[in-house]
């Protein structure tokens, strides 16, 4: 009997220790969750949207930009598309994000006004004569597709049309004359 009572005592103490450890884990997790919530509290500043507490005079002072320099975000817009439309180069989206101090450039709100920086951008004219394009320095199938079609993903169609002279789509040579297929 003495052995049985010792076993009961050991089981009881193990259960007690397990319950205490479980309670400690629950308290630590609750503390971490509360701490995370407290750290994420604060104001969200979205450029182009006015703080409701601002007076109309302060709002007018804040938006004293030329209409040419301001772009109002429409449904479906993203910085890449805006940069492509305004500058002819989607990679200029980083300049727009910098100009507006956008912390999350992937999130734009319909009606948001963003300032477009004045950039000296040369829009190069793309010469496609009779459905052909001559490769120049710095070209890739992606860049050519963006220049000609406005869509980099069309590079595969260009490659398919020129398989006879391009074995590897990553290796094209300056001076190559590529056939430019019509896209549906």
N, C-alpha and C. Protein backbone atom coordinates (compact mmCIF):
# COMPACT_ATOMS: atom_id res chain seq x y z
N UNK A 1 0.81 -1.19 0.00
CA UNK A 1 0.00 0.00 0.00
C UNK A 1 0.85 1.25 0.00
N UNK A 2 1.91 1.17 0.61
CA UNK A 2 2.81 2.29 0.68
C UNK A 2 3.30 2.67 -0.73
N UNK A 3 3.52 1.67 -1.55
CA UNK A 3 3.97 1.89 -2.92
C UNK A 3 2.88 2.61 -3.72
N UNK A 4 1.62 2.20 -3.52
CA UNK A 4 0.49 2.81 -4.23
C UNK A 4 0.32 4.26 -3.82
N UNK A 5 0.47 4.56 -2.58
CA UNK A 5 0.31 5.95 -2.13
C UNK A 5 1.46 6.82 -2.65
N UNK A 6 2.65 6.25 -2.74
CA UNK A 6 3.77 6.99 -3.33
C UNK A 6 3.51 7.29 -4.81
N UNK A 7 2.97 6.31 -5.55
CA UNK A 7 2.65 6.50 -6.97
C UNK A 7 1.59 7.58 -7.14
N UNK A 8 0.58 7.58 -6.25
CA UNK A 8 -0.46 8.60 -6.32
C UNK A 8 0.12 9.98 -6.05
N UNK A 9 1.01 10.04 -5.09
CA UNK A 9 1.63 11.30 -4.74
C UNK A 9 2.48 11.83 -5.90
N UNK A 10 3.21 10.94 -6.57
CA UNK A 10 4.03 11.33 -7.71
C UNK A 10 3.15 11.80 -8.86
N UNK A 11 2.05 11.05 -9.14
CA UNK A 11 1.14 11.45 -10.22
C UNK A 11 0.50 12.79 -9.91
N UNK A 12 0.12 13.01 -8.68
CA UNK A 12 -0.51 14.26 -8.28
C UNK A 12 0.48 15.42 -8.45
N UNK A 13 1.71 15.23 -8.05
CA UNK A 13 2.70 16.30 -8.19
C UNK A 13 3.03 16.55 -9.66
N UNK A 14 3.06 15.51 -10.49
CA UNK A 14 3.29 15.70 -11.93
C UNK A 14 2.14 16.48 -12.56
N UNK A 15 0.91 16.16 -12.16
CA UNK A 15 -0.25 16.87 -12.69
C UNK A 15 -0.22 18.33 -12.27
N UNK A 16 0.16 18.57 -11.03
CA UNK A 16 0.24 19.94 -10.51
C UNK A 16 1.30 20.74 -11.27
N UNK A 17 2.46 20.14 -11.50
CA UNK A 17 3.53 20.81 -12.25
C UNK A 17 3.09 21.08 -13.68
N UNK A 18 2.41 20.12 -14.31
CA UNK A 18 1.92 20.32 -15.68
C UNK A 18 0.90 21.46 -15.75
N UNK A 19 0.02 21.53 -14.76
CA UNK A 19 -0.97 22.61 -14.75
C UNK A 19 -0.30 23.97 -14.56
N UNK A 20 0.67 24.04 -13.69
CA UNK A 20 1.39 25.30 -13.45
C UNK A 20 2.14 25.73 -14.72
N UNK A 21 2.81 24.78 -15.37
CA UNK A 21 3.53 25.09 -16.61
C UNK A 21 2.56 25.57 -17.69
N UNK A 22 1.42 24.91 -17.81
CA UNK A 22 0.41 25.32 -18.78
C UNK A 22 -0.09 26.71 -18.50
N UNK A 23 -0.32 27.03 -17.24
CA UNK A 23 -0.77 28.36 -16.85
C UNK A 23 0.28 29.42 -17.20
N UNK A 24 1.54 29.11 -16.94
CA UNK A 24 2.63 30.05 -17.27
C UNK A 24 2.68 30.29 -18.78
N UNK A 25 2.54 29.26 -19.57
CA UNK A 25 2.56 29.40 -21.03
C UNK A 25 1.40 30.27 -21.51
N UNK A 26 0.21 30.06 -20.96
CA UNK A 26 -0.96 30.86 -21.34
C UNK A 26 -0.74 32.32 -20.97
N UNK A 27 -0.19 32.60 -19.80
CA UNK A 27 0.06 33.98 -19.37
C UNK A 27 1.10 34.64 -20.29
N UNK A 28 2.16 33.93 -20.64
CA UNK A 28 3.20 34.49 -21.52
C UNK A 28 2.60 34.80 -22.91
N UNK A 29 1.82 33.89 -23.46
CA UNK A 29 1.21 34.12 -24.78
C UNK A 29 0.26 35.31 -24.72
N UNK A 30 -0.55 35.41 -23.66
CA UNK A 30 -1.47 36.55 -23.50
C UNK A 30 -0.67 37.85 -23.43
N UNK A 31 0.45 37.85 -22.68
CA UNK A 31 1.28 39.04 -22.58
C UNK A 31 1.84 39.44 -23.95
N UNK A 32 2.31 38.48 -24.73
CA UNK A 32 2.86 38.77 -26.06
C UNK A 32 1.79 39.34 -26.99
N UNK A 33 0.58 38.79 -26.93
CA UNK A 33 -0.50 39.29 -27.79
C UNK A 33 -0.86 40.72 -27.41
N UNK A 34 -0.99 41.00 -26.12
CA UNK A 34 -1.31 42.37 -25.67
C UNK A 34 -0.20 43.31 -26.08
N UNK A 35 1.04 42.92 -25.93
CA UNK A 35 2.19 43.75 -26.30
C UNK A 35 2.17 44.05 -27.80
N UNK A 36 1.88 43.05 -28.63
CA UNK A 36 1.81 43.25 -30.07
C UNK A 36 0.71 44.24 -30.44
N UNK A 37 -0.44 44.10 -29.83
CA UNK A 37 -1.56 45.02 -30.11
C UNK A 37 -1.20 46.44 -29.70
N UNK A 38 -0.57 46.61 -28.56
CA UNK A 38 -0.20 47.94 -28.09
C UNK A 38 0.83 48.60 -29.02
N UNK A 39 1.76 47.81 -29.55
CA UNK A 39 2.79 48.37 -30.44
C UNK A 39 2.22 48.80 -31.78
N UNK A 40 1.18 48.13 -32.25
CA UNK A 40 0.64 48.46 -33.57
C UNK A 40 -0.39 49.57 -33.53
N UNK A 41 -0.73 50.05 -32.36
CA UNK A 41 -1.67 51.17 -32.27
C UNK A 41 -0.98 52.43 -32.77
N UNK A 42 -1.76 53.35 -33.32
CA UNK A 42 -1.20 54.62 -33.74
C UNK A 42 -1.93 55.16 -34.95
N UNK A 43 -1.44 56.26 -35.45
CA UNK A 43 -2.04 56.90 -36.61
C UNK A 43 -1.51 56.27 -37.87
N UNK A 44 -2.37 56.20 -38.84
CA UNK A 44 -1.96 55.73 -40.15
C UNK A 44 -1.97 56.94 -41.07
N UNK A 45 -0.82 57.29 -41.59
CA UNK A 45 -0.73 58.43 -42.49
C UNK A 45 -0.70 57.95 -43.92
N UNK A 46 -1.73 58.29 -44.66
CA UNK A 46 -1.79 57.93 -46.06
C UNK A 46 -1.69 59.22 -46.86
N UNK A 47 -0.62 59.39 -47.61
CA UNK A 47 -0.46 60.62 -48.39
C UNK A 47 -1.65 60.83 -49.32
N UNK A 48 -2.10 62.05 -49.39
CA UNK A 48 -3.20 62.37 -50.28
C UNK A 48 -4.54 62.35 -49.59
N UNK A 49 -4.65 61.68 -48.46
CA UNK A 49 -5.88 61.69 -47.70
C UNK A 49 -5.69 62.64 -46.53
N UNK A 50 -6.67 63.49 -46.30
CA UNK A 50 -6.54 64.51 -45.27
C UNK A 50 -7.02 63.99 -43.94
N UNK A 51 -6.37 64.44 -42.89
CA UNK A 51 -6.78 64.12 -41.54
C UNK A 51 -8.11 64.81 -41.28
N UNK A 52 -9.07 64.10 -40.75
CA UNK A 52 -10.40 64.66 -40.54
C UNK A 52 -10.36 65.84 -39.59
N UNK A 53 -9.41 65.87 -38.68
CA UNK A 53 -9.32 66.94 -37.69
C UNK A 53 -8.79 68.24 -38.29
N UNK A 54 -8.23 68.21 -39.47
CA UNK A 54 -7.67 69.41 -40.07
C UNK A 54 -8.78 70.37 -40.50
N UNK A 55 -8.50 71.63 -40.38
CA UNK A 55 -9.45 72.62 -40.87
C UNK A 55 -9.31 72.71 -42.39
N UNK A 56 -10.28 73.33 -43.02
CA UNK A 56 -10.23 73.44 -44.48
C UNK A 56 -9.05 74.29 -44.94
N UNK A 57 -8.70 75.31 -44.15
CA UNK A 57 -7.55 76.15 -44.53
C UNK A 57 -6.26 75.34 -44.52
N UNK A 58 -6.08 74.52 -43.49
CA UNK A 58 -4.88 73.69 -43.43
C UNK A 58 -4.86 72.70 -44.59
N UNK A 59 -6.03 72.20 -44.94
CA UNK A 59 -6.12 71.24 -46.04
C UNK A 59 -5.75 71.92 -47.36
N UNK A 60 -6.19 73.15 -47.57
CA UNK A 60 -5.86 73.86 -48.80
C UNK A 60 -4.36 74.14 -48.87
N UNK A 61 -3.75 74.46 -47.73
CA UNK A 61 -2.31 74.70 -47.70
C UNK A 61 -1.55 73.42 -48.03
N UNK A 62 -2.07 72.31 -47.54
CA UNK A 62 -1.39 71.03 -47.77
C UNK A 62 -1.45 70.64 -49.24
N UNK A 63 -2.53 70.95 -49.93
CA UNK A 63 -2.70 70.54 -51.32
C UNK A 63 -2.53 71.76 -52.22
N UNK A 64 -1.36 72.37 -52.19
CA UNK A 64 -1.09 73.50 -53.06
C UNK A 64 -0.17 73.07 -54.21
N UNK A 65 -0.50 71.95 -54.79
CA UNK A 65 0.29 71.40 -55.88
C UNK A 65 -0.38 71.73 -57.21
N UNK A 66 0.41 71.87 -58.25
CA UNK A 66 -0.16 72.06 -59.58
C UNK A 66 -0.97 70.84 -59.94
N UNK A 67 -2.01 71.03 -60.71
CA UNK A 67 -2.83 69.91 -61.15
C UNK A 67 -2.00 68.95 -62.02
N UNK A 68 -1.00 69.47 -62.72
CA UNK A 68 -0.16 68.63 -63.56
C UNK A 68 0.71 67.70 -62.73
N UNK A 69 1.04 68.11 -61.51
CA UNK A 69 1.92 67.32 -60.66
C UNK A 69 1.16 66.30 -59.81
N UNK A 70 -0.17 66.39 -59.79
CA UNK A 70 -0.95 65.53 -58.92
C UNK A 70 -1.72 64.51 -59.76
N UNK A 71 -1.72 63.29 -59.28
CA UNK A 71 -2.46 62.22 -59.95
C UNK A 71 -3.48 61.68 -58.96
N UNK A 72 -4.72 61.58 -59.38
CA UNK A 72 -5.76 61.01 -58.53
C UNK A 72 -5.90 59.53 -58.87
N UNK A 73 -5.75 58.69 -57.86
CA UNK A 73 -5.77 57.24 -58.05
C UNK A 73 -7.18 56.78 -58.43
N UNK A 74 -7.22 55.95 -59.47
CA UNK A 74 -8.49 55.37 -59.93
C UNK A 74 -8.50 53.89 -59.57
N UNK A 75 -9.67 53.28 -59.68
CA UNK A 75 -9.80 51.86 -59.37
C UNK A 75 -8.88 51.05 -60.27
N UNK A 76 -8.15 50.12 -59.71
CA UNK A 76 -7.25 49.26 -60.47
C UNK A 76 -5.86 49.84 -60.68
N UNK A 77 -5.62 51.05 -60.23
CA UNK A 77 -4.30 51.67 -60.40
C UNK A 77 -3.28 51.05 -59.47
N UNK A 78 -2.03 51.05 -59.94
CA UNK A 78 -0.89 50.71 -59.10
C UNK A 78 0.25 51.61 -59.53
N UNK A 79 1.29 51.70 -58.73
CA UNK A 79 2.38 52.62 -59.03
C UNK A 79 3.09 52.28 -60.34
N UNK A 80 3.22 51.00 -60.63
CA UNK A 80 3.86 50.60 -61.88
C UNK A 80 3.08 51.16 -63.07
N UNK A 81 1.77 50.96 -63.07
CA UNK A 81 0.93 51.43 -64.18
C UNK A 81 0.94 52.95 -64.30
N UNK A 82 0.92 53.64 -63.17
CA UNK A 82 0.95 55.10 -63.19
C UNK A 82 2.27 55.58 -63.77
N UNK A 83 3.38 54.97 -63.34
CA UNK A 83 4.71 55.35 -63.84
C UNK A 83 4.81 55.06 -65.34
N UNK A 84 4.26 53.94 -65.77
CA UNK A 84 4.29 53.58 -67.19
C UNK A 84 3.49 54.59 -68.00
N UNK A 85 2.33 54.99 -67.48
CA UNK A 85 1.47 55.95 -68.17
C UNK A 85 2.09 57.35 -68.21
N UNK A 86 2.65 57.79 -67.08
CA UNK A 86 3.15 59.16 -66.97
C UNK A 86 4.55 59.34 -67.54
N UNK A 87 5.41 58.34 -67.35
CA UNK A 87 6.81 58.47 -67.73
C UNK A 87 7.24 57.53 -68.84
N UNK A 88 6.38 56.57 -69.17
CA UNK A 88 6.75 55.60 -70.19
C UNK A 88 7.70 54.53 -69.67
N UNK A 89 7.88 54.46 -68.35
CA UNK A 89 8.79 53.50 -67.73
C UNK A 89 8.22 53.08 -66.39
N UNK A 90 7.80 51.83 -66.29
CA UNK A 90 7.20 51.34 -65.05
C UNK A 90 8.15 51.35 -63.87
N UNK A 91 9.46 51.28 -64.15
CA UNK A 91 10.44 51.26 -63.06
C UNK A 91 10.52 52.59 -62.32
N UNK A 92 9.90 53.63 -62.84
CA UNK A 92 9.90 54.93 -62.18
C UNK A 92 8.94 54.94 -60.98
N UNK A 93 8.25 53.81 -60.74
CA UNK A 93 7.33 53.76 -59.61
C UNK A 93 8.06 54.04 -58.30
N UNK A 94 9.34 53.69 -58.24
CA UNK A 94 10.09 53.93 -57.01
C UNK A 94 10.25 55.42 -56.74
N UNK A 95 10.40 56.20 -57.80
CA UNK A 95 10.52 57.66 -57.65
C UNK A 95 9.22 58.25 -57.12
N UNK A 96 8.09 57.73 -57.61
CA UNK A 96 6.78 58.21 -57.14
C UNK A 96 6.61 57.85 -55.67
N UNK A 97 6.99 56.63 -55.30
CA UNK A 97 6.87 56.19 -53.90
C UNK A 97 7.74 57.05 -52.99
N UNK A 98 8.96 57.36 -53.44
CA UNK A 98 9.87 58.20 -52.64
C UNK A 98 9.30 59.61 -52.48
N UNK A 99 8.79 60.17 -53.57
CA UNK A 99 8.25 61.53 -53.55
C UNK A 99 7.10 61.67 -52.56
N UNK A 100 6.30 60.61 -52.41
CA UNK A 100 5.12 60.66 -51.55
C UNK A 100 5.34 59.99 -50.19
N UNK A 101 6.58 59.57 -49.92
CA UNK A 101 6.90 58.90 -48.65
C UNK A 101 5.94 57.75 -48.36
N UNK A 102 5.69 56.94 -49.36
CA UNK A 102 4.76 55.82 -49.20
C UNK A 102 5.46 54.68 -48.47
N UNK A 103 4.95 54.34 -47.31
CA UNK A 103 5.52 53.24 -46.53
C UNK A 103 5.10 51.89 -47.11
N UNK A 104 3.87 51.84 -47.67
CA UNK A 104 3.35 50.62 -48.30
C UNK A 104 2.92 50.98 -49.73
N UNK A 105 3.87 50.99 -50.66
CA UNK A 105 3.56 51.42 -52.02
C UNK A 105 2.61 50.49 -52.76
N UNK A 106 2.38 49.31 -52.25
CA UNK A 106 1.46 48.39 -52.90
C UNK A 106 0.00 48.69 -52.58
N UNK A 107 -0.24 49.61 -51.66
CA UNK A 107 -1.61 49.92 -51.25
C UNK A 107 -1.92 51.36 -51.65
N UNK A 108 -2.79 51.50 -52.63
CA UNK A 108 -3.28 52.81 -53.06
C UNK A 108 -4.79 52.82 -52.90
N UNK A 109 -5.34 53.95 -52.48
CA UNK A 109 -6.77 54.06 -52.29
C UNK A 109 -7.38 54.88 -53.42
N UNK A 110 -8.55 54.46 -53.87
CA UNK A 110 -9.24 55.19 -54.93
C UNK A 110 -9.51 56.61 -54.42
N UNK A 111 -9.17 57.60 -55.23
CA UNK A 111 -9.35 59.00 -54.85
C UNK A 111 -8.13 59.61 -54.18
N UNK A 112 -7.17 58.79 -53.80
CA UNK A 112 -5.95 59.29 -53.17
C UNK A 112 -5.20 60.14 -54.18
N UNK A 113 -4.68 61.26 -53.73
CA UNK A 113 -3.92 62.15 -54.61
C UNK A 113 -2.44 61.94 -54.31
N UNK A 114 -1.69 61.63 -55.36
CA UNK A 114 -0.25 61.45 -55.18
C UNK A 114 0.49 62.45 -56.06
N UNK A 115 1.59 62.93 -55.54
CA UNK A 115 2.40 63.91 -56.27
C UNK A 115 3.32 63.17 -57.22
N UNK A 116 3.36 63.64 -58.45
CA UNK A 116 4.25 63.04 -59.45
C UNK A 116 5.50 63.91 -59.54
N UNK A 117 6.65 63.33 -59.28
CA UNK A 117 7.88 64.12 -59.35
C UNK A 117 8.19 64.52 -60.79
N UNK A 118 8.82 65.67 -60.92
CA UNK A 118 9.25 66.11 -62.25
C UNK A 118 10.55 65.39 -62.57
N UNK A 119 10.48 64.51 -63.54
CA UNK A 119 11.65 63.72 -63.92
C UNK A 119 11.96 63.98 -65.38
N UNK A 120 13.22 64.02 -65.68
CA UNK A 120 13.64 64.14 -67.06
C UNK A 120 13.69 62.73 -67.63
N UNK A 121 12.66 62.39 -68.36
CA UNK A 121 12.58 61.05 -68.92
C UNK A 121 12.52 61.18 -70.44
N UNK A 122 13.41 60.48 -71.06
CA UNK A 122 13.39 60.47 -72.51
C UNK A 122 12.52 59.31 -72.95
N UNK A 123 11.45 59.64 -73.63
CA UNK A 123 10.62 58.57 -74.18
C UNK A 123 11.22 58.20 -75.52
N UNK A 124 11.79 57.01 -75.56
CA UNK A 124 12.42 56.60 -76.80
C UNK A 124 11.37 56.09 -77.78
N UNK A 125 11.56 56.48 -79.00
CA UNK A 125 10.63 56.02 -80.01
C UNK A 125 11.08 54.65 -80.48
N UNK A 126 10.13 53.76 -80.54
CA UNK A 126 10.43 52.39 -80.93
C UNK A 126 10.11 52.25 -82.41
N UNK A 127 11.11 51.85 -83.13
CA UNK A 127 10.93 51.68 -84.57
C UNK A 127 10.70 50.21 -84.88
N UNK A 128 9.49 49.91 -85.28
CA UNK A 128 9.16 48.56 -85.70
C UNK A 128 8.73 48.68 -87.15
N UNK A 129 9.65 48.37 -88.06
CA UNK A 129 9.37 48.47 -89.49
C UNK A 129 8.91 47.12 -90.01
N UNK A 130 7.74 47.11 -90.60
CA UNK A 130 7.19 45.91 -91.24
C UNK A 130 7.24 44.70 -90.31
N UNK A 131 6.91 44.94 -89.02
CA UNK A 131 6.86 43.83 -88.07
C UNK A 131 8.22 43.33 -87.64
N UNK A 132 9.27 44.17 -87.79
CA UNK A 132 10.61 43.77 -87.39
C UNK A 132 11.20 44.79 -86.41
N UNK A 133 12.05 44.31 -85.53
CA UNK A 133 12.71 45.16 -84.54
C UNK A 133 14.19 44.80 -84.54
N UNK A 134 15.04 45.82 -84.55
CA UNK A 134 16.49 45.59 -84.50
C UNK A 134 16.97 45.77 -83.06
N UNK A 135 17.64 44.75 -82.53
CA UNK A 135 18.12 44.76 -81.15
C UNK A 135 19.22 45.80 -80.98
N UNK A 136 19.11 46.60 -79.91
CA UNK A 136 20.13 47.59 -79.57
C UNK A 136 20.75 47.23 -78.22
N UNK A 137 21.81 47.93 -77.87
CA UNK A 137 22.54 47.66 -76.62
C UNK A 137 21.58 47.80 -75.43
N UNK A 138 21.65 46.84 -74.53
CA UNK A 138 20.84 46.86 -73.31
C UNK A 138 19.49 46.19 -73.46
N UNK A 139 19.16 45.74 -74.66
CA UNK A 139 17.87 45.08 -74.88
C UNK A 139 17.84 43.68 -74.31
N UNK A 140 16.65 43.26 -73.95
CA UNK A 140 16.34 41.87 -73.62
C UNK A 140 14.97 41.63 -74.21
N UNK A 141 14.55 40.40 -74.28
CA UNK A 141 13.23 40.13 -74.85
C UNK A 141 12.14 40.81 -74.01
N UNK A 142 12.33 40.84 -72.72
CA UNK A 142 11.37 41.52 -71.83
C UNK A 142 11.30 43.00 -72.18
N UNK A 143 12.46 43.68 -72.26
CA UNK A 143 12.48 45.12 -72.54
C UNK A 143 11.90 45.42 -73.91
N UNK A 144 12.22 44.59 -74.88
CA UNK A 144 11.68 44.78 -76.22
C UNK A 144 10.17 44.66 -76.19
N UNK A 145 9.65 43.67 -75.48
CA UNK A 145 8.21 43.47 -75.38
C UNK A 145 7.53 44.65 -74.71
N UNK A 146 8.17 45.23 -73.69
CA UNK A 146 7.62 46.41 -73.03
C UNK A 146 7.61 47.59 -73.99
N UNK A 147 8.71 47.78 -74.74
CA UNK A 147 8.79 48.89 -75.69
C UNK A 147 7.74 48.78 -76.79
N UNK A 148 7.61 47.59 -77.36
CA UNK A 148 6.76 47.41 -78.52
C UNK A 148 5.30 47.21 -78.15
N UNK A 149 5.05 46.36 -77.15
CA UNK A 149 3.67 45.99 -76.82
C UNK A 149 3.16 46.64 -75.53
N UNK A 150 4.09 47.17 -74.72
CA UNK A 150 3.68 47.70 -73.42
C UNK A 150 3.42 46.60 -72.42
N UNK A 151 3.88 45.39 -72.71
CA UNK A 151 3.65 44.24 -71.85
C UNK A 151 4.88 43.33 -71.89
N UNK A 152 5.62 43.29 -70.80
CA UNK A 152 6.83 42.48 -70.75
C UNK A 152 6.58 40.99 -70.89
N UNK A 153 5.37 40.56 -70.50
CA UNK A 153 5.07 39.13 -70.56
C UNK A 153 4.90 38.63 -72.00
N UNK A 154 4.88 39.53 -72.96
CA UNK A 154 4.78 39.13 -74.36
C UNK A 154 6.12 38.63 -74.90
N UNK A 155 7.16 38.64 -74.05
CA UNK A 155 8.49 38.20 -74.50
C UNK A 155 8.44 36.78 -75.04
N UNK A 156 7.60 35.93 -74.46
CA UNK A 156 7.56 34.54 -74.91
C UNK A 156 7.03 34.44 -76.34
N UNK A 157 6.10 35.32 -76.72
CA UNK A 157 5.57 35.33 -78.09
C UNK A 157 6.68 35.77 -79.07
N UNK A 158 7.47 36.76 -78.65
CA UNK A 158 8.58 37.22 -79.49
C UNK A 158 9.59 36.09 -79.65
N UNK A 159 9.87 35.38 -78.57
CA UNK A 159 10.83 34.28 -78.63
C UNK A 159 10.30 33.18 -79.55
N UNK A 160 9.02 32.83 -79.42
CA UNK A 160 8.44 31.78 -80.27
C UNK A 160 8.55 32.16 -81.75
N UNK A 161 8.33 33.44 -82.06
CA UNK A 161 8.38 33.88 -83.45
C UNK A 161 9.80 33.89 -84.00
N UNK A 162 10.80 33.88 -83.10
CA UNK A 162 12.20 33.98 -83.53
C UNK A 162 13.05 32.80 -83.08
N UNK A 163 12.44 31.66 -82.86
CA UNK A 163 13.16 30.47 -82.40
C UNK A 163 14.26 30.05 -83.38
N UNK A 164 14.08 30.37 -84.65
CA UNK A 164 15.08 29.97 -85.64
C UNK A 164 16.43 30.66 -85.42
N UNK A 165 16.42 31.85 -84.79
CA UNK A 165 17.68 32.55 -84.57
C UNK A 165 18.01 32.75 -83.09
N UNK A 166 17.08 32.44 -82.18
CA UNK A 166 17.34 32.57 -80.75
C UNK A 166 17.17 31.21 -80.09
N UNK A 167 18.29 30.60 -79.70
CA UNK A 167 18.24 29.31 -79.02
C UNK A 167 17.93 29.51 -77.54
N UNK A 168 18.56 30.51 -76.94
CA UNK A 168 18.38 30.82 -75.53
C UNK A 168 17.78 32.22 -75.42
N UNK A 169 16.59 32.36 -74.81
CA UNK A 169 15.97 33.69 -74.75
C UNK A 169 16.74 34.71 -73.93
N UNK A 170 17.69 34.26 -73.13
CA UNK A 170 18.51 35.18 -72.35
C UNK A 170 19.70 35.72 -73.14
N UNK A 171 19.94 35.14 -74.33
CA UNK A 171 21.10 35.55 -75.12
C UNK A 171 20.65 36.07 -76.48
N UNK A 172 20.52 37.37 -76.57
CA UNK A 172 20.25 37.98 -77.88
C UNK A 172 21.40 38.93 -78.17
N UNK A 173 21.65 39.16 -79.45
CA UNK A 173 22.81 39.95 -79.84
C UNK A 173 22.39 41.29 -80.45
N UNK A 174 23.21 42.29 -80.22
CA UNK A 174 22.97 43.61 -80.80
C UNK A 174 22.98 43.47 -82.31
N UNK A 175 22.01 44.08 -82.97
CA UNK A 175 21.92 44.04 -84.43
C UNK A 175 21.00 42.95 -84.96
N UNK A 176 20.60 42.01 -84.11
CA UNK A 176 19.65 40.98 -84.56
C UNK A 176 18.37 41.66 -85.01
N UNK A 177 17.79 41.16 -86.08
CA UNK A 177 16.51 41.67 -86.56
C UNK A 177 15.45 40.63 -86.18
N UNK A 178 14.57 41.03 -85.27
CA UNK A 178 13.56 40.12 -84.75
C UNK A 178 12.21 40.36 -85.41
N UNK A 179 11.51 39.27 -85.66
CA UNK A 179 10.14 39.36 -86.16
C UNK A 179 9.25 39.67 -84.97
N UNK A 180 8.37 40.65 -85.12
CA UNK A 180 7.47 41.04 -84.04
C UNK A 180 6.06 40.56 -84.39
N UNK A 181 5.60 39.51 -83.74
CA UNK A 181 4.27 38.97 -84.09
C UNK A 181 3.15 39.90 -83.61
N UNK A 182 2.02 39.79 -84.27
CA UNK A 182 0.83 40.54 -83.82
C UNK A 182 0.24 39.79 -82.64
N UNK A 183 -0.14 40.53 -81.61
CA UNK A 183 -0.74 39.91 -80.43
C UNK A 183 -2.25 39.99 -80.55
N UNK A 184 -2.91 38.96 -80.10
CA UNK A 184 -4.38 38.95 -80.15
C UNK A 184 -4.94 39.76 -79.02
